[in-house]
Protein backbone atom coordinates (compact mmCIF):
# COMPACT_ATOMS: atom_id res chain seq x y z
CA UNK A 1 -164.16 -42.36 -31.73
CA UNK A 2 -160.75 -41.75 -32.72
CA UNK A 3 -159.58 -38.33 -33.96
CA UNK A 4 -159.88 -39.27 -37.46
CA UNK A 5 -162.81 -41.06 -37.62
CA UNK A 6 -165.64 -39.54 -39.48
CA UNK A 7 -168.81 -41.63 -40.64
CA UNK A 8 -169.39 -39.02 -43.17
CA UNK A 9 -166.13 -39.55 -44.68
CA UNK A 10 -166.69 -43.14 -45.32
CA UNK A 11 -170.09 -42.94 -46.80
CA UNK A 12 -170.50 -44.81 -50.22
CA UNK A 13 -169.81 -42.68 -53.12
CA UNK A 14 -168.84 -43.26 -56.98
CA UNK A 15 -166.63 -40.27 -57.89
CA UNK A 16 -163.35 -41.72 -56.93
CA UNK A 17 -160.57 -39.47 -57.49
CA UNK A 18 -157.63 -41.44 -55.87
CA UNK A 19 -157.74 -45.30 -55.88
CA UNK A 20 -155.26 -46.41 -53.11
CA UNK A 21 -156.62 -50.01 -52.94
CA UNK A 22 -156.20 -52.14 -51.03
CA UNK A 23 -155.97 -49.26 -48.40
CA UNK A 24 -158.16 -46.31 -48.99
CA UNK A 25 -160.34 -44.52 -51.66
CA UNK A 26 -160.43 -40.78 -52.00
CA UNK A 27 -163.49 -38.99 -53.37
CA UNK A 28 -163.54 -35.76 -55.47
CA UNK A 29 -165.69 -33.99 -52.79
CA UNK A 30 -162.98 -34.71 -50.00
CA UNK A 31 -164.44 -37.98 -48.68
CA UNK A 32 -162.18 -41.01 -47.87
CA UNK A 33 -163.03 -44.62 -47.33
CA UNK A 34 -160.59 -46.78 -45.46
CA UNK A 35 -160.63 -50.31 -46.90
CA UNK A 36 -158.65 -52.21 -44.24
CA UNK A 37 -160.29 -53.75 -41.42
CA UNK A 38 -158.59 -54.81 -38.36
CA UNK A 39 -160.26 -54.75 -34.89
CA UNK A 40 -159.42 -52.65 -31.85
CA UNK A 41 -157.66 -54.45 -29.22
CA UNK A 42 -157.62 -52.91 -25.62
CA UNK A 43 -154.40 -52.76 -23.60
CA UNK A 44 -154.10 -55.02 -20.51
CA UNK A 45 -151.45 -54.63 -17.63
CA UNK A 46 -151.95 -58.53 -16.81
CA UNK A 47 -149.69 -60.31 -19.09
CA UNK A 48 -151.15 -63.80 -18.49
CA UNK A 49 -153.32 -63.59 -21.38
CA UNK A 50 -150.72 -61.73 -23.92
CA UNK A 51 -147.64 -64.10 -23.95
CA UNK A 52 -146.31 -62.77 -20.80
CA UNK A 53 -146.35 -59.16 -22.18
CA UNK A 54 -148.23 -56.33 -20.08
CA UNK A 55 -149.41 -53.53 -22.36
CA UNK A 56 -150.20 -49.96 -21.51
CA UNK A 57 -151.49 -47.03 -23.48
CA UNK A 58 -149.73 -43.36 -22.77
CA UNK A 59 -150.22 -39.95 -24.43
CA UNK A 60 -146.98 -38.82 -25.27
CA UNK A 61 -147.83 -35.26 -26.47
CA UNK A 62 -150.73 -33.84 -24.64
CA UNK A 63 -150.80 -30.65 -27.15
CA UNK A 64 -151.69 -32.98 -29.96
CA UNK A 65 -152.98 -36.18 -28.49
CA UNK A 66 -150.30 -38.37 -29.89
CA UNK A 67 -150.16 -41.68 -27.99
CA UNK A 68 -148.32 -44.97 -27.85
CA UNK A 69 -149.05 -48.50 -26.58
CA UNK A 70 -146.18 -49.89 -24.33
CA UNK A 71 -145.37 -53.64 -24.44
CA UNK A 72 -143.45 -54.94 -21.31
CA UNK A 73 -142.10 -58.70 -21.10
CA UNK A 74 -142.63 -59.02 -17.62
CA UNK A 75 -140.56 -62.11 -16.72
CA UNK A 76 -137.36 -60.70 -18.35
CA UNK A 77 -138.11 -57.37 -16.41
CA UNK A 78 -138.47 -59.04 -13.13
CA UNK A 79 -134.96 -60.73 -13.84
CA UNK A 80 -133.43 -57.51 -13.26
CA UNK A 81 -131.51 -56.83 -16.45
CA UNK A 82 -132.24 -53.79 -18.30
CA UNK A 83 -134.08 -54.28 -21.78
CA UNK A 84 -133.60 -52.64 -25.13
CA UNK A 85 -136.23 -50.23 -26.23
CA UNK A 86 -137.69 -50.61 -29.76
CA UNK A 87 -139.91 -47.78 -31.04
CA UNK A 88 -141.95 -49.25 -33.60
CA UNK A 89 -143.90 -47.16 -36.23
CA UNK A 90 -146.71 -48.91 -38.09
CA UNK A 91 -147.42 -49.41 -41.68
CA UNK A 92 -150.49 -48.59 -43.64
CA UNK A 93 -149.61 -46.17 -46.36
CA UNK A 94 -149.63 -43.21 -44.00
CA UNK A 95 -153.43 -43.23 -43.92
CA UNK A 96 -154.62 -46.86 -42.46
CA UNK A 97 -153.99 -48.97 -39.30
CA UNK A 98 -153.36 -48.01 -35.96
CA UNK A 99 -150.98 -49.29 -33.01
CA UNK A 100 -154.20 -50.12 -31.31
CA UNK A 101 -155.46 -52.43 -33.80
CA UNK A 102 -155.24 -56.36 -33.62
CA UNK A 103 -152.62 -56.78 -36.63
CA UNK A 104 -150.11 -54.49 -34.89
CA UNK A 105 -151.06 -55.32 -31.23
CA UNK A 106 -150.14 -58.88 -32.05
CA UNK A 107 -146.89 -58.18 -33.78
CA UNK A 108 -145.81 -55.98 -31.31
CA UNK A 109 -146.53 -58.65 -28.70
CA UNK A 110 -144.77 -61.05 -30.40
CA UNK A 111 -141.66 -58.60 -30.86
CA UNK A 112 -141.43 -57.80 -27.07
CA UNK A 113 -141.77 -61.50 -26.32
CA UNK A 114 -139.31 -62.77 -28.68
CA UNK A 115 -136.76 -60.08 -28.45
CA UNK A 116 -137.27 -59.25 -24.70
CA UNK A 117 -137.65 -55.92 -25.48
CA UNK A 118 -139.73 -52.73 -24.39
CA UNK A 119 -141.74 -52.04 -27.35
CA UNK A 120 -143.12 -48.45 -27.84
CA UNK A 121 -145.66 -48.59 -30.49
CA UNK A 122 -146.62 -44.99 -31.93
CA UNK A 123 -150.01 -44.13 -32.62
CA UNK A 124 -149.60 -41.44 -34.98
CA UNK A 125 -152.00 -39.17 -36.73
CA UNK A 126 -153.30 -40.46 -40.34
CA UNK A 127 -153.27 -38.84 -43.63
CA UNK A 128 -155.25 -37.28 -45.44
CA UNK A 129 -156.83 -35.57 -42.47
CA UNK A 130 -153.26 -34.88 -40.97
CA UNK A 131 -151.00 -34.72 -44.15
CA UNK A 132 -147.33 -35.34 -44.02
CA UNK A 133 -145.24 -34.25 -42.39
CA UNK A 134 -147.57 -34.76 -39.59
CA UNK A 135 -146.64 -38.45 -39.07
CA UNK A 136 -142.99 -37.60 -39.00
CA UNK A 137 -143.53 -34.88 -36.25
CA UNK A 138 -145.63 -37.21 -34.36
CA UNK A 139 -142.90 -40.12 -34.45
CA UNK A 140 -140.39 -37.49 -33.42
CA UNK A 141 -142.60 -36.61 -30.50
CA UNK A 142 -142.68 -40.14 -29.42
CA UNK A 143 -138.93 -40.60 -29.62
CA UNK A 144 -138.45 -37.40 -27.47
CA UNK A 145 -140.85 -38.90 -24.90
CA UNK A 146 -139.06 -42.30 -24.93
CA UNK A 147 -135.60 -40.41 -24.37
CA UNK A 148 -136.97 -38.61 -21.40
CA UNK A 149 -137.83 -41.81 -19.58
CA UNK A 150 -140.50 -40.14 -17.56
CA UNK A 151 -142.75 -43.33 -17.78
CA UNK A 152 -142.11 -45.51 -14.94
CA UNK A 153 -141.68 -48.83 -17.21
CA UNK A 154 -139.02 -47.22 -19.17
CA UNK A 155 -137.44 -45.57 -16.09
CA UNK A 156 -137.32 -48.88 -14.17
CA UNK A 157 -136.71 -51.51 -16.87
CA UNK A 158 -135.32 -50.00 -19.91
CA UNK A 159 -131.66 -49.81 -21.26
CA UNK A 160 -131.66 -46.26 -23.19
CA UNK A 161 -128.04 -47.15 -24.68
CA UNK A 162 -129.99 -50.07 -26.85
CA UNK A 163 -132.72 -47.78 -28.40
CA UNK A 164 -133.86 -49.08 -31.90
CA UNK A 165 -136.35 -47.21 -34.26
CA UNK A 166 -138.06 -49.83 -36.30
CA UNK A 167 -141.39 -49.75 -38.64
CA UNK A 168 -142.77 -51.53 -41.86
CA UNK A 169 -144.08 -50.15 -45.19
CA UNK A 170 -144.79 -46.49 -44.57
CA UNK A 171 -143.72 -46.89 -41.00
CA UNK A 172 -140.09 -47.73 -42.24
CA UNK A 173 -140.12 -44.68 -44.14
CA UNK A 174 -141.09 -42.70 -41.07
CA UNK A 175 -138.51 -44.81 -39.05
CA UNK A 176 -135.74 -43.92 -41.40
CA UNK A 177 -136.54 -40.21 -41.25
CA UNK A 178 -136.77 -40.17 -37.44
CA UNK A 179 -133.24 -41.93 -37.38
CA UNK A 180 -131.82 -39.04 -39.77
CA UNK A 181 -133.40 -36.33 -37.45
CA UNK A 182 -132.22 -37.93 -34.21
CA UNK A 183 -128.74 -38.15 -35.88
CA UNK A 184 -128.66 -34.51 -36.82
CA UNK A 185 -130.06 -33.28 -33.27
CA UNK A 186 -127.26 -34.01 -31.14
CA UNK A 187 -128.68 -32.37 -27.98
CA UNK A 188 -131.75 -34.83 -27.94
CA UNK A 189 -130.07 -37.17 -25.60
CA UNK A 190 -130.94 -40.53 -27.27
CA UNK A 191 -128.38 -42.71 -28.37
CA UNK A 192 -130.07 -44.74 -31.60
CA UNK A 193 -128.18 -48.21 -31.54
CA UNK A 194 -129.97 -49.21 -34.73
CA UNK A 195 -132.79 -48.91 -37.32
CA UNK A 196 -134.88 -51.98 -38.54
CA UNK A 197 -136.84 -51.18 -41.74
CA UNK A 198 -139.13 -53.86 -43.02
CA UNK A 199 -140.37 -53.57 -46.49
CA UNK A 200 -139.84 -49.81 -46.45
CA UNK A 201 -141.81 -47.40 -48.61
CA UNK A 202 -139.31 -45.28 -50.91
CA UNK A 203 -140.02 -44.50 -54.49
CA UNK A 204 -139.04 -42.08 -57.34
CA UNK A 205 -140.15 -40.62 -60.60
CA UNK A 206 -138.45 -43.02 -62.64
CA UNK A 207 -139.43 -46.85 -63.03
CA UNK A 208 -136.90 -49.46 -61.95
CA UNK A 209 -136.91 -52.47 -63.87
CA UNK A 210 -138.64 -54.31 -61.57
CA UNK A 211 -141.45 -51.76 -61.41
CA UNK A 212 -142.15 -51.65 -65.13
CA UNK A 213 -144.25 -54.73 -65.32
CA UNK A 214 -147.41 -55.69 -62.84
CA UNK A 215 -148.16 -59.41 -62.87
CA UNK A 216 -151.62 -58.55 -61.71
CA UNK A 217 -150.86 -60.33 -58.04
CA UNK A 218 -148.59 -57.87 -56.50
CA UNK A 219 -150.29 -56.11 -53.42
CA UNK A 220 -148.95 -52.76 -54.45
CA UNK A 221 -149.10 -52.12 -58.27
CA UNK A 222 -146.59 -49.46 -59.34
CA UNK A 223 -149.08 -47.26 -60.78
CA UNK A 224 -150.87 -47.11 -57.43
CA UNK A 225 -147.62 -46.24 -55.57
CA UNK A 226 -147.31 -43.17 -57.68
CA UNK A 227 -150.60 -41.85 -56.44
CA UNK A 228 -149.75 -42.22 -52.63
CA UNK A 229 -147.39 -39.42 -51.98
CA UNK A 230 -149.12 -36.59 -53.49
CA UNK A 231 -152.28 -37.82 -51.89
CA UNK A 232 -150.85 -38.06 -48.32
CA UNK A 233 -148.99 -34.72 -48.77
CA UNK A 234 -152.23 -32.86 -49.70
CA UNK A 235 -150.75 -32.28 -53.21
CA UNK A 236 -147.58 -30.50 -51.82
CA UNK A 237 -145.04 -32.84 -52.98
CA UNK A 238 -144.51 -35.21 -55.89
CA UNK A 239 -142.45 -38.47 -56.45
CA UNK A 240 -139.43 -36.39 -56.90
CA UNK A 241 -139.53 -35.54 -53.31
CA UNK A 242 -135.93 -36.31 -51.68
CA UNK A 243 -138.08 -37.91 -48.60
CA UNK A 244 -138.45 -40.71 -50.95
CA UNK A 245 -135.20 -41.19 -52.42
CA UNK A 246 -132.80 -39.98 -49.76
CA UNK A 247 -129.87 -37.90 -51.00
CA UNK A 248 -126.31 -39.03 -50.14
CA UNK A 249 -125.66 -36.34 -47.71
CA UNK A 250 -128.68 -37.44 -45.79
CA UNK A 251 -127.55 -41.15 -45.73
CA UNK A 252 -124.15 -39.70 -44.50
CA UNK A 253 -125.68 -38.03 -41.41
CA UNK A 254 -126.96 -41.47 -40.20
CA UNK A 255 -125.05 -41.84 -36.57
CA UNK A 256 -126.73 -45.27 -35.65
CA UNK A 257 -124.33 -48.13 -35.35
CA UNK A 258 -126.24 -50.61 -37.01
CA UNK A 259 -129.08 -51.04 -40.01
CA UNK A 260 -131.30 -53.69 -40.88
CA UNK A 261 -133.17 -53.77 -44.09
CA UNK A 262 -135.76 -56.50 -44.91
CA UNK A 263 -137.14 -56.88 -48.05
CA UNK A 264 -139.78 -59.46 -49.84
CA UNK A 265 -139.21 -60.87 -53.23
CA UNK A 266 -142.57 -60.24 -54.74
CA UNK A 267 -142.95 -56.80 -53.25
CA UNK A 268 -143.12 -54.02 -55.63
CA UNK A 269 -141.04 -51.93 -53.04
CA UNK A 270 -138.13 -54.72 -53.04
CA UNK A 271 -135.68 -52.76 -55.61
CA UNK A 272 -135.95 -49.63 -53.74
CA UNK A 273 -135.27 -51.04 -50.39
CA UNK A 274 -132.32 -53.16 -51.88
CA UNK A 275 -130.78 -49.68 -53.34
CA UNK A 276 -131.06 -47.94 -50.12
CA UNK A 277 -129.40 -50.53 -48.32
CA UNK A 278 -126.56 -50.70 -50.79
CA UNK A 279 -126.12 -47.00 -50.13
CA UNK A 280 -126.05 -47.37 -46.51
CA UNK A 281 -123.69 -50.18 -46.65
CA UNK A 282 -121.21 -48.34 -48.92
CA UNK A 283 -121.34 -45.34 -46.50
CA UNK A 284 -120.82 -47.69 -43.44
CA UNK A 285 -117.75 -49.32 -45.39
CA UNK A 286 -115.96 -46.13 -45.07
CA UNK A 287 -117.07 -44.78 -41.66
CA UNK A 288 -117.65 -47.91 -39.70
CA UNK A 289 -120.95 -49.43 -38.89
CA UNK A 290 -123.10 -52.61 -39.54
CA UNK A 291 -125.45 -53.22 -42.34
CA UNK A 292 -127.90 -56.26 -42.77
CA UNK A 293 -130.10 -57.16 -45.65
CA UNK A 294 -132.78 -59.78 -45.28
CA UNK A 295 -134.83 -61.19 -47.90
CA UNK A 296 -138.03 -63.28 -47.79
CA UNK A 297 -138.21 -65.52 -51.08
CA UNK A 298 -141.53 -65.98 -52.67
CA UNK A 299 -143.22 -63.46 -50.47
CA UNK A 300 -145.05 -60.19 -50.92
CA UNK A 301 -145.75 -57.01 -49.06
CA UNK A 302 -146.75 -57.20 -45.53
CA UNK A 303 -146.76 -60.86 -45.20
CA UNK A 304 -145.20 -61.12 -41.86
CA UNK A 305 -148.15 -59.21 -40.42
CA UNK A 306 -150.88 -61.18 -42.06
CA UNK A 307 -149.64 -64.80 -41.55
CA UNK A 308 -147.33 -64.42 -38.63
CA UNK A 309 -147.18 -68.46 -38.04
CA UNK A 310 -145.77 -68.90 -41.40
CA UNK A 311 -142.26 -70.26 -41.48
CA UNK A 312 -140.86 -67.22 -43.65
CA UNK A 313 -142.76 -64.95 -40.92
CA UNK A 314 -140.99 -66.89 -38.10
CA UNK A 315 -137.43 -66.48 -39.73
CA UNK A 316 -137.94 -62.97 -40.36
CA UNK A 317 -138.85 -62.34 -36.67
CA UNK A 318 -135.87 -64.49 -35.71
CA UNK A 319 -133.50 -62.31 -37.83
CA UNK A 320 -134.68 -59.21 -36.17
CA UNK A 321 -134.54 -60.60 -32.66
CA UNK A 322 -130.87 -61.66 -33.40
CA UNK A 323 -130.27 -57.81 -34.64
CA UNK A 324 -131.82 -56.39 -31.63
CA UNK A 325 -130.20 -58.75 -29.09
CA UNK A 326 -126.57 -59.08 -30.32
CA UNK A 327 -123.91 -56.84 -28.47
CA UNK A 328 -123.78 -53.38 -29.37
CA UNK A 329 -121.83 -52.69 -32.61
CA UNK A 330 -118.15 -52.02 -32.04
CA UNK A 331 -116.54 -48.97 -33.17
CA UNK A 332 -114.99 -49.73 -36.68
CA UNK A 333 -111.92 -47.68 -38.11
CA UNK A 334 -113.19 -47.75 -41.77
CA UNK A 335 -114.51 -51.31 -42.02
CA UNK A 336 -117.90 -52.74 -42.53
CA UNK A 337 -119.31 -55.35 -40.12
CA UNK A 338 -121.78 -57.73 -41.45
CA UNK A 339 -123.80 -60.97 -40.35
CA UNK A 340 -124.86 -63.75 -42.41
CA UNK A 341 -126.63 -67.05 -41.33
CA UNK A 342 -125.83 -70.27 -42.84
CA UNK A 343 -127.04 -73.61 -41.88
CA UNK A 344 -128.95 -72.02 -38.88
CA UNK A 345 -125.48 -70.54 -37.56
CA UNK A 346 -124.60 -67.29 -37.07
CA UNK A 347 -121.44 -65.89 -38.76
CA UNK A 348 -119.75 -62.64 -37.97
CA UNK A 349 -117.03 -61.11 -40.13
CA UNK A 350 -115.19 -57.97 -40.18
CA UNK A 351 -114.12 -56.53 -43.67
CA UNK A 352 -113.23 -53.69 -45.63
CA UNK A 353 -115.31 -55.13 -48.61
CA UNK A 354 -118.34 -53.35 -49.75
CA UNK A 355 -120.40 -56.50 -50.40
CA UNK A 356 -121.70 -58.19 -47.27
CA UNK A 357 -123.52 -61.31 -47.79
CA UNK A 358 -127.18 -61.37 -47.68
CA UNK A 359 -129.56 -63.40 -45.52
CA UNK A 360 -132.24 -65.15 -47.63
CA UNK A 361 -135.21 -66.65 -45.84
CA UNK A 362 -136.24 -69.75 -48.12
CA UNK A 363 -139.34 -70.07 -50.06
CA UNK A 364 -142.30 -70.97 -47.87
CA UNK A 365 -143.40 -74.66 -48.01
CA UNK A 366 -147.05 -74.33 -47.34
CA UNK A 367 -149.76 -72.08 -48.77
CA UNK A 368 -150.51 -68.84 -47.47
CA UNK A 369 -152.60 -68.74 -44.38
CA UNK A 370 -154.20 -65.70 -43.38
CA UNK A 371 -155.22 -65.77 -39.73
CA UNK A 372 -156.48 -62.23 -39.59
CA UNK A 373 -158.87 -62.39 -42.37
CA UNK A 374 -157.84 -59.38 -44.47
CA UNK A 375 -154.26 -60.15 -45.71
CA UNK A 376 -155.86 -62.35 -48.51
CA UNK A 377 -158.88 -59.72 -48.89
CA UNK A 378 -155.88 -57.18 -49.95
CA UNK A 379 -154.96 -59.61 -52.74
CA UNK A 380 -158.50 -60.31 -53.99
CA UNK A 381 -158.98 -56.65 -54.14
CA UNK A 382 -156.23 -56.20 -56.21
CA UNK A 383 -157.52 -58.82 -58.68
CA UNK A 384 -160.88 -57.14 -58.73
CA UNK A 385 -162.96 -58.90 -56.09
CA UNK A 386 -164.96 -56.97 -53.58
CA UNK A 387 -163.37 -56.00 -50.23
CA UNK A 388 -165.09 -55.52 -46.97
CA UNK A 389 -164.91 -51.68 -45.85
CA UNK A 390 -164.77 -50.35 -42.39
CA UNK A 391 -164.78 -47.13 -40.72
CA UNK A 392 -161.76 -44.89 -40.53
CA UNK A 393 -159.80 -44.67 -37.38
CA UNK A 394 -156.73 -42.69 -36.54
CA UNK A 395 -155.33 -41.30 -33.44
CA UNK A 396 -157.03 -40.18 -30.26
CA UNK A 397 -156.29 -39.07 -26.68
CA UNK A 398 -156.19 -42.26 -24.43
CA UNK A 399 -159.56 -42.82 -22.82
CA UNK A 400 -161.36 -40.43 -24.68
CA UNK A 401 -162.16 -42.09 -27.87
CA UNK A 402 -163.03 -45.41 -29.41
CA UNK A 403 -162.54 -48.26 -27.31
CA UNK A 404 -162.85 -46.64 -23.87
CA UNK A 405 -161.22 -49.87 -22.38
CA UNK A 406 -158.08 -48.90 -23.94
CA UNK A 407 -156.79 -46.99 -20.78
CA UNK A 408 -156.94 -48.26 -17.34
CA UNK A 409 -158.20 -45.41 -14.83
CA UNK A 410 -156.07 -47.19 -11.91
CA UNK A 411 -152.51 -46.62 -12.30
CA UNK A 412 -150.61 -49.90 -11.96
CA UNK A 413 -147.15 -50.17 -12.57
CA UNK A 414 -146.69 -53.57 -10.82
CA UNK A 415 -145.35 -56.86 -12.58
CA UNK A 416 -147.67 -59.85 -12.48
CA UNK A 417 -146.21 -63.01 -11.06
CA UNK A 418 -148.65 -65.59 -12.09
CA UNK A 419 -148.36 -68.28 -14.78
CA UNK A 420 -148.01 -67.41 -18.25
CA UNK A 421 -149.94 -68.98 -20.91
CA UNK A 422 -149.74 -68.48 -24.84
CA UNK A 423 -151.80 -65.79 -26.47
CA UNK A 424 -154.43 -67.90 -28.19
CA UNK A 425 -155.70 -64.69 -29.94
CA UNK A 426 -152.44 -64.51 -31.82
CA UNK A 427 -152.67 -67.96 -33.27
CA UNK A 428 -154.50 -68.87 -35.48
CA UNK A 429 -142.70 -58.55 -61.08
CA UNK A 430 -139.61 -60.71 -61.03
CA UNK A 431 -136.91 -60.03 -58.63
CA UNK A 432 -134.11 -57.57 -59.72
CA UNK A 433 -130.71 -58.39 -59.31
CA UNK A 434 -129.16 -57.42 -55.94
CA UNK A 435 -127.20 -54.32 -55.73
CA UNK A 436 -123.49 -54.40 -55.83
CA UNK A 437 -123.09 -58.23 -56.63
CA UNK A 438 -124.18 -59.31 -53.36
CA UNK A 439 -123.85 -62.84 -52.68
CA UNK A 440 -126.73 -64.86 -51.39
CA UNK A 441 -126.70 -67.53 -48.60
CA UNK A 442 -129.96 -69.49 -49.17
CA UNK A 443 -131.38 -71.13 -46.00
CA UNK A 444 -133.95 -73.77 -46.25
CA UNK A 445 -134.68 -74.50 -42.64
């Protein structure tokens, strides 16, 4: 059983104090019921059943039990070249999901295989049992562990000069603040090449135009987003918290050379993500750096996780892979480097303009297909339908909790050379104007 898992906290009750559907219900007596369901997946160092990606679980901080799952694309590693590192922080409103669940295991596998990168997926402790800033501290511990290169996979196959921090939703917020912390700690010894935040969670007290009306279908209605931060901080902070709306001086402290922000057209968090991007872009226009904004048309929050085979999900993954694998960003003298895609071809330009073009991924051509069984449940719940509940799970020390198969007792750091087969388990409000008069390149391919 994971450290956060407590059957008593998931008993059925009627006195709901905080409704964070489709993620969690909080009761007046302190109980919580987690609503998302995503099955546990054990790590396996044999890559033949996992798209050529070996996986292994490690404890990164023995004092807290914080752990991570490593994903290594073995054939690329065997080729002898050093691989970029992606420290990935999962979403789930700070209070659900896991690096070990099927959704994020499959996503990290796909990212590692597609980008030919070592992915370190962080298993941080969940709120409300462990309120913010616990998740921030756990992500920081994981980044410091990665920078130490004490793990044999990192020591033997990683290129620490190409380290990326990435995350989605709440994980995007955590990734941003971890990048800021790394930028301010010059003695940590890690060089952050880039930050990737997908549909990141940022918020504020005042409603933005796109947040004022809920159409009844969006995954994240604004009134429920309002309740999240006070809940996950145990009442110690409200929506005026600068951790939800970063001040200019914090953005000015960023030292990573490249930033990618991805938003979804129908996502309630879209406008906040666009505004954060615009502020980072304007800062980089004066100091040098690269800023990329990717928007997925016709999509809502988390679509790429719950339907990864969909065309828009593939295009988003392709954009992230290109961002990771392009040559390191050059040192720019007061200029802004930005990238766009037109007709499937990558265009690179250097300019002193402060309005980079935007990558827009075309409207999907086929209906939503939820291969994991609960992406659509999230939407149904928002519309008033019932949702299957599951036990809460958070973090634990590897080998000592739920899913004992998660850790192999036998240390094996070798790479398998057998044939690789596809991972069959992985088959299966109106948009606000873009900031700064951004042009849109629409790609329907």
